[in-house]
Protein backbone atom coordinates (compact mmCIF):
# COMPACT_ATOMS: atom_id res chain seq x y z
CA UNK A 1 -42.13 0.12 15.00
CA UNK A 2 -38.86 -1.75 14.85
CA UNK A 3 -35.54 -0.17 13.95
CA UNK A 4 -32.76 -2.37 12.59
CA UNK A 5 -29.08 -1.51 12.58
CA UNK A 6 -26.42 -3.22 10.52
CA UNK A 7 -22.71 -2.71 11.22
CA UNK A 8 -21.66 -4.86 8.25
CA UNK A 9 -20.33 -2.68 5.45
CA UNK A 10 -20.27 -3.72 1.83
CA UNK A 11 -17.24 -5.74 0.76
CA UNK A 12 -14.03 -4.02 -0.11
CA UNK A 13 -13.32 -1.22 2.34
CA UNK A 14 -9.68 -0.65 3.27
CA UNK A 15 -9.10 -2.38 6.61
CA UNK A 16 -12.39 -4.31 6.57
CA UNK A 17 -12.49 -7.91 7.78
CA UNK A 18 -12.70 -10.29 4.85
CA UNK A 19 -15.39 -12.99 4.94
CA UNK A 20 -16.37 -14.98 8.01
CA UNK A 21 -12.83 -16.21 8.54
CA UNK A 22 -12.01 -16.80 12.25
CA UNK A 23 -10.17 -13.82 13.68
CA UNK A 24 -8.46 -12.61 16.83
CA UNK A 25 -8.35 -8.95 17.81
CA UNK A 26 -6.88 -6.82 20.57
CA UNK A 27 -7.59 -3.22 21.50
CA UNK A 28 -4.91 -0.61 20.95
CA UNK A 29 -4.80 3.04 21.93
CA UNK A 30 -3.31 5.85 19.86
CA UNK A 31 -1.31 7.77 22.47
CA UNK A 32 1.63 9.21 20.52
CA UNK A 33 -0.10 10.22 17.27
CA UNK A 34 -3.11 9.46 15.09
CA UNK A 35 -3.13 5.92 13.68
CA UNK A 36 -4.26 5.06 10.17
CA UNK A 37 -6.44 2.09 9.18
CA UNK A 38 -4.74 -0.90 7.53
CA UNK A 39 -1.22 -0.36 8.88
CA UNK A 40 1.03 -2.52 11.05
CA UNK A 41 1.33 -1.25 14.61
CA UNK A 42 3.74 -2.11 17.41
CA UNK A 43 3.53 -1.73 21.18
CA UNK A 44 4.48 1.78 22.25
CA UNK A 45 6.81 1.17 25.18
CA UNK A 46 7.76 4.83 25.72
CA UNK A 47 7.65 6.15 29.28
CA UNK A 48 4.21 7.08 30.64
CA UNK A 49 2.29 5.07 28.00
CA UNK A 50 -0.54 2.71 28.93
CA UNK A 51 -0.08 -1.03 28.28
CA UNK A 52 -2.40 -0.77 25.24
CA UNK A 53 -0.53 2.09 23.54
CA UNK A 54 0.33 1.45 19.87
CA UNK A 55 2.20 3.27 17.12
CA UNK A 56 3.50 2.51 13.62
CA UNK A 57 6.96 0.88 13.43
CA UNK A 58 10.02 3.13 13.21
CA UNK A 59 12.72 0.54 12.39
CA UNK A 60 13.11 -2.72 10.49
CA UNK A 61 13.75 -4.52 13.79
CA UNK A 62 10.34 -3.44 15.08
CA UNK A 63 8.60 -4.82 11.98
CA UNK A 64 10.21 -8.25 12.33
CA UNK A 65 10.11 -8.60 16.16
CA UNK A 66 7.08 -10.79 17.01
CA UNK A 67 7.17 -9.54 20.61
CA UNK A 68 6.63 -5.91 19.55
CA UNK A 69 4.26 -6.30 16.58
CA UNK A 70 0.61 -6.21 17.62
CA UNK A 71 -0.95 -6.61 14.17
CA UNK A 72 -2.83 -4.63 11.51
CA UNK A 73 -5.29 -1.90 12.41
CA UNK A 74 -8.86 -2.68 11.36
CA UNK A 75 -11.59 -0.43 10.10
CA UNK A 76 -14.22 -0.02 12.81
CA UNK A 77 -17.61 0.76 11.23
CA UNK A 78 -18.82 2.32 14.49
CA UNK A 79 -15.94 4.84 14.63
CA UNK A 80 -16.89 8.29 13.24
CA UNK A 81 -14.16 8.68 10.61
CA UNK A 82 -10.67 7.18 10.26
CA UNK A 83 -7.85 7.80 11.03
CA UNK A 84 -8.06 7.03 14.72
CA UNK A 85 -7.49 10.27 16.61
CA UNK A 86 -5.14 10.82 19.51
CA UNK A 87 -6.22 8.78 22.58
CA UNK A 88 -8.78 6.81 20.58
CA UNK A 89 -9.18 3.06 21.08
CA UNK A 90 -8.83 1.01 17.92
CA UNK A 91 -9.15 -2.64 16.87
CA UNK A 92 -5.93 -4.45 15.95
CA UNK A 93 -6.15 -7.73 14.03
CA UNK A 94 -3.71 -10.41 15.23
CA UNK A 95 -5.17 -13.32 13.26
CA UNK A 96 -7.53 -13.13 10.33
CA UNK A 97 -7.97 -11.56 6.90
CA UNK A 98 -8.36 -7.93 5.86
CA UNK A 99 -9.03 -6.03 2.66
CA UNK A 100 -5.99 -3.80 2.11
CA UNK A 101 -5.28 -1.02 -0.38
CA UNK A 102 -1.47 -1.27 -0.34
CA UNK A 103 1.00 1.35 -1.58
CA UNK A 104 1.93 -0.95 -4.48
CA UNK A 105 0.15 -4.03 -5.87
CA UNK A 106 0.42 -7.23 -3.82
CA UNK A 107 0.77 -10.60 -5.55
CA UNK A 108 -0.21 -13.98 -4.14
CA UNK A 109 2.86 -15.92 -3.07
CA UNK A 110 5.11 -12.83 -2.98
CA UNK A 111 6.35 -11.36 0.31
CA UNK A 112 4.60 -8.38 1.88
CA UNK A 113 6.80 -5.49 2.95
CA UNK A 114 5.99 -3.07 5.78
CA UNK A 115 7.15 0.54 5.63
CA UNK A 116 9.28 1.65 8.60
CA UNK A 117 10.70 4.83 7.03
CA UNK A 118 8.73 7.52 5.21
CA UNK A 119 9.35 7.65 1.47
CA UNK A 120 7.57 9.73 -1.17
CA UNK A 121 4.87 12.23 -0.26
CA UNK A 122 1.77 10.46 1.02
CA UNK A 123 3.51 7.32 2.32
CA UNK A 124 2.64 6.09 5.80
CA UNK A 125 4.67 4.28 8.43
CA UNK A 126 3.36 0.73 8.80
CA UNK A 127 1.80 0.68 5.32
CA UNK A 128 1.98 -2.50 3.23
CA UNK A 129 3.65 -2.74 -0.18
CA UNK A 130 5.00 -5.28 -2.67
CA UNK A 131 8.68 -4.23 -2.56
CA UNK A 132 11.26 -2.82 -0.13
CA UNK A 133 11.17 0.73 -1.60
CA UNK A 134 14.96 1.12 -1.62
CA UNK A 135 15.38 -0.16 1.94
CA UNK A 136 12.51 1.82 3.51
CA UNK A 137 10.39 -1.30 4.05
CA UNK A 138 11.11 -4.85 5.24
CA UNK A 139 9.38 -8.20 4.63
CA UNK A 140 6.92 -9.29 7.31
CA UNK A 141 6.87 -13.09 7.80
CA UNK A 142 3.52 -12.96 9.63
CA UNK A 143 1.63 -11.55 6.61
CA UNK A 144 0.55 -13.40 3.46
CA UNK A 145 -1.41 -12.40 0.36
CA UNK A 146 -4.57 -14.51 -0.03
CA UNK A 147 -5.82 -12.76 -3.18
CA UNK A 148 -3.71 -10.46 -5.34
CA UNK A 149 -4.60 -6.79 -5.79
CA UNK A 150 -7.76 -6.63 -7.90
CA UNK A 151 -9.15 -4.03 -10.27
CA UNK A 152 -10.64 -2.03 -7.38
CA UNK A 153 -7.18 -1.84 -5.78
CA UNK A 154 -7.75 -4.23 -2.87
CA UNK A 155 -5.88 -7.36 -1.87
CA UNK A 156 -6.87 -9.77 0.89
CA UNK A 157 -4.08 -10.15 3.43
CA UNK A 158 -3.82 -12.92 6.02
CA UNK A 159 -2.40 -11.93 9.44
CA UNK A 160 -0.84 -14.78 11.45
CA UNK A 161 0.37 -13.47 14.80
CA UNK A 162 -1.75 -15.01 17.55
């Protein structure tokens, strides 16, 4: 008897790698708080953190600083259930394409904004959106929309950091 396992999910999950596009990933570790899937994370340089510690950005400078930004958190099909819990290891995409369910629709050719300040109920630090939400998000030059938000609510976003 042979048992087969497949870690490839069907297309269109939030934070899932899109197509067979070449990609580059690093491993992050959620040491300060839980980390959501599909958000921008930066290096957590607080005292007593490991070199792999990550957290969502807390200022516009952190979103635009290429030395601090690690990338977008990916969905890991082998992880029990997102978000990534405290002290969990998580995949961070530095180069490649992800399916993203952004806070607002994303349009091809338009800038992508990253939230660095919490807004309305349910908003997440590091989440992607199509506008600056009254100064609570800033444009990220390392992100580009490959396909606009579709009927299912997903856009394909290209990450260009590494």
